[in-house]
Amino acid sequence: MTEKHEKQIKAQLPAGERISRMYRAYEGDTRVITRDKSGKETRYTVKWNPQDDSVTIVRM
């Protein structure tokens, strides 16, 4: 995960959500856990697009 990918992930988050942590899952994908202002956690998995080296988050 590069700084470019982290910026793309942050740009896709809903307003008010911040990244709490990111990690490589046992299954091989990257996971992102966010928290909103009230403290509610949301989990995303990251999909990498090799054609343009971009990432997309998908809510789990």
N, C-alpha and C. Protein backbone atom coordinates (compact mmCIF):
# COMPACT_ATOMS: atom_id res chain seq x y z
N MET A 1 0.84 -1.16 0.00
CA MET A 1 0.00 0.00 0.00
C MET A 1 0.90 1.23 0.00
N THR A 2 0.71 2.07 -0.99
CA THR A 2 1.54 3.27 -1.11
C THR A 2 0.79 4.49 -0.57
N GLU A 3 1.50 5.58 -0.46
CA GLU A 3 0.87 6.83 -0.01
C GLU A 3 -0.23 7.25 -0.99
N LYS A 4 -0.01 7.01 -2.27
CA LYS A 4 -1.02 7.31 -3.29
C LYS A 4 -2.31 6.54 -3.02
N HIS A 5 -2.18 5.25 -2.68
CA HIS A 5 -3.35 4.43 -2.39
C HIS A 5 -4.07 4.91 -1.13
N GLU A 6 -3.31 5.29 -0.11
CA GLU A 6 -3.92 5.79 1.11
C GLU A 6 -4.73 7.06 0.84
N LYS A 7 -4.23 7.94 0.00
CA LYS A 7 -4.96 9.15 -0.36
C LYS A 7 -6.25 8.80 -1.11
N GLN A 8 -6.20 7.80 -2.00
CA GLN A 8 -7.38 7.38 -2.73
C GLN A 8 -8.43 6.80 -1.77
N ILE A 9 -7.98 6.03 -0.79
CA ILE A 9 -8.90 5.45 0.19
C ILE A 9 -9.56 6.57 0.99
N LYS A 10 -8.78 7.51 1.49
CA LYS A 10 -9.33 8.62 2.28
C LYS A 10 -10.35 9.42 1.48
N ALA A 11 -10.10 9.59 0.18
CA ALA A 11 -11.01 10.35 -0.67
C ALA A 11 -12.35 9.63 -0.87
N GLN A 12 -12.38 8.31 -0.70
CA GLN A 12 -13.60 7.53 -0.91
C GLN A 12 -14.43 7.37 0.36
N LEU A 13 -13.88 7.74 1.50
CA LEU A 13 -14.61 7.58 2.76
C LEU A 13 -15.75 8.58 2.87
N PRO A 14 -16.86 8.16 3.50
CA PRO A 14 -17.95 9.11 3.73
C PRO A 14 -17.48 10.26 4.64
N ALA A 15 -18.14 11.38 4.55
CA ALA A 15 -17.78 12.56 5.36
C ALA A 15 -17.83 12.21 6.84
N GLY A 16 -16.81 12.63 7.56
CA GLY A 16 -16.77 12.42 9.00
C GLY A 16 -16.09 11.14 9.44
N GLU A 17 -15.76 10.24 8.52
CA GLU A 17 -15.08 8.99 8.88
C GLU A 17 -13.58 9.18 8.77
N ARG A 18 -12.87 8.57 9.73
CA ARG A 18 -11.40 8.61 9.74
C ARG A 18 -10.88 7.19 9.82
N ILE A 19 -9.73 6.95 9.22
CA ILE A 19 -9.11 5.63 9.27
C ILE A 19 -8.61 5.37 10.69
N SER A 20 -9.05 4.26 11.24
CA SER A 20 -8.60 3.83 12.56
C SER A 20 -7.37 2.94 12.42
N ARG A 21 -7.47 1.98 11.50
CA ARG A 21 -6.33 1.09 11.24
C ARG A 21 -6.50 0.42 9.87
N MET A 22 -5.35 -0.03 9.36
CA MET A 22 -5.30 -0.77 8.10
C MET A 22 -4.40 -1.97 8.33
N TYR A 23 -4.74 -3.11 7.73
CA TYR A 23 -3.92 -4.29 7.90
C TYR A 23 -4.11 -5.26 6.74
N ARG A 24 -3.14 -6.14 6.58
CA ARG A 24 -3.21 -7.21 5.57
C ARG A 24 -3.89 -8.40 6.22
N ALA A 25 -5.02 -8.83 5.68
CA ALA A 25 -5.79 -9.93 6.22
C ALA A 25 -5.15 -11.28 5.86
N TYR A 26 -5.49 -12.29 6.61
CA TYR A 26 -4.99 -13.64 6.38
C TYR A 26 -5.33 -14.11 4.97
N GLU A 27 -6.49 -13.70 4.47
CA GLU A 27 -6.93 -14.10 3.13
C GLU A 27 -6.14 -13.42 2.02
N GLY A 28 -5.33 -12.41 2.36
CA GLY A 28 -4.49 -11.77 1.37
C GLY A 28 -4.91 -10.36 0.97
N ASP A 29 -6.13 -9.96 1.32
CA ASP A 29 -6.55 -8.61 0.96
C ASP A 29 -6.20 -7.61 2.06
N THR A 30 -6.30 -6.34 1.73
CA THR A 30 -6.05 -5.29 2.70
C THR A 30 -7.39 -4.84 3.26
N ARG A 31 -7.44 -4.65 4.57
CA ARG A 31 -8.66 -4.22 5.24
C ARG A 31 -8.44 -2.84 5.84
N VAL A 32 -9.51 -2.04 5.85
CA VAL A 32 -9.48 -0.71 6.43
C VAL A 32 -10.63 -0.63 7.42
N ILE A 33 -10.33 -0.19 8.63
CA ILE A 33 -11.35 0.00 9.65
C ILE A 33 -11.41 1.49 9.95
N THR A 34 -12.61 2.04 9.87
CA THR A 34 -12.79 3.47 10.10
C THR A 34 -13.72 3.69 11.29
N ARG A 35 -13.69 4.92 11.80
CA ARG A 35 -14.61 5.33 12.86
C ARG A 35 -15.21 6.67 12.46
N ASP A 36 -16.51 6.82 12.77
CA ASP A 36 -17.14 8.11 12.54
C ASP A 36 -17.08 8.94 13.83
N LYS A 37 -17.69 10.10 13.82
CA LYS A 37 -17.61 11.01 14.98
C LYS A 37 -18.23 10.42 16.24
N SER A 38 -19.22 9.55 16.08
CA SER A 38 -19.86 8.93 17.25
C SER A 38 -19.12 7.69 17.73
N GLY A 39 -18.09 7.26 17.01
CA GLY A 39 -17.29 6.11 17.41
C GLY A 39 -17.68 4.79 16.75
N LYS A 40 -18.68 4.82 15.87
CA LYS A 40 -19.12 3.61 15.17
C LYS A 40 -18.05 3.15 14.19
N GLU A 41 -17.73 1.85 14.22
CA GLU A 41 -16.73 1.28 13.31
C GLU A 41 -17.38 0.81 12.01
N THR A 42 -16.67 1.01 10.92
CA THR A 42 -17.08 0.47 9.62
C THR A 42 -15.86 -0.22 9.03
N ARG A 43 -16.07 -1.38 8.43
CA ARG A 43 -14.97 -2.16 7.85
C ARG A 43 -15.10 -2.20 6.34
N TYR A 44 -13.95 -2.04 5.69
CA TYR A 44 -13.88 -2.07 4.23
C TYR A 44 -12.77 -3.03 3.81
N THR A 45 -12.93 -3.59 2.63
CA THR A 45 -11.85 -4.33 2.00
C THR A 45 -11.41 -3.51 0.80
N VAL A 46 -10.13 -3.60 0.47
CA VAL A 46 -9.56 -2.78 -0.60
C VAL A 46 -9.37 -3.65 -1.84
N LYS A 47 -9.90 -3.18 -2.95
CA LYS A 47 -9.73 -3.85 -4.24
C LYS A 47 -8.75 -3.05 -5.08
N TRP A 48 -7.71 -3.70 -5.58
CA TRP A 48 -6.69 -3.05 -6.39
C TRP A 48 -6.99 -3.25 -7.86
N ASN A 49 -6.88 -2.18 -8.65
CA ASN A 49 -7.10 -2.22 -10.08
C ASN A 49 -5.74 -2.09 -10.78
N PRO A 50 -5.20 -3.20 -11.32
CA PRO A 50 -3.85 -3.15 -11.89
C PRO A 50 -3.74 -2.34 -13.18
N GLN A 51 -4.85 -2.12 -13.90
CA GLN A 51 -4.78 -1.37 -15.15
C GLN A 51 -4.29 0.06 -14.93
N ASP A 52 -4.77 0.71 -13.87
CA ASP A 52 -4.36 2.10 -13.61
C ASP A 52 -3.76 2.28 -12.22
N ASP A 53 -3.44 1.18 -11.54
CA ASP A 53 -2.82 1.20 -10.22
C ASP A 53 -3.62 2.04 -9.23
N SER A 54 -4.94 1.84 -9.23
CA SER A 54 -5.80 2.54 -8.29
C SER A 54 -6.44 1.54 -7.33
N VAL A 55 -7.05 2.05 -6.27
CA VAL A 55 -7.73 1.19 -5.32
C VAL A 55 -9.15 1.69 -5.12
N THR A 56 -10.03 0.74 -4.77
CA THR A 56 -11.43 1.03 -4.48
C THR A 56 -11.77 0.32 -3.17
N ILE A 57 -12.52 1.00 -2.31
CA ILE A 57 -12.94 0.34 -1.06
C ILE A 57 -14.35 -0.20 -1.23
N VAL A 58 -14.59 -1.37 -0.63
CA VAL A 58 -15.89 -2.01 -0.67
C VAL A 58 -16.28 -2.32 0.77
N ARG A 59 -17.45 -1.84 1.16
CA ARG A 59 -17.93 -2.07 2.52
C ARG A 59 -18.19 -3.55 2.75
N MET A 60 -17.76 -4.04 3.89
CA MET A 60 -17.93 -5.47 4.21
C MET A 60 -19.25 -5.69 4.93
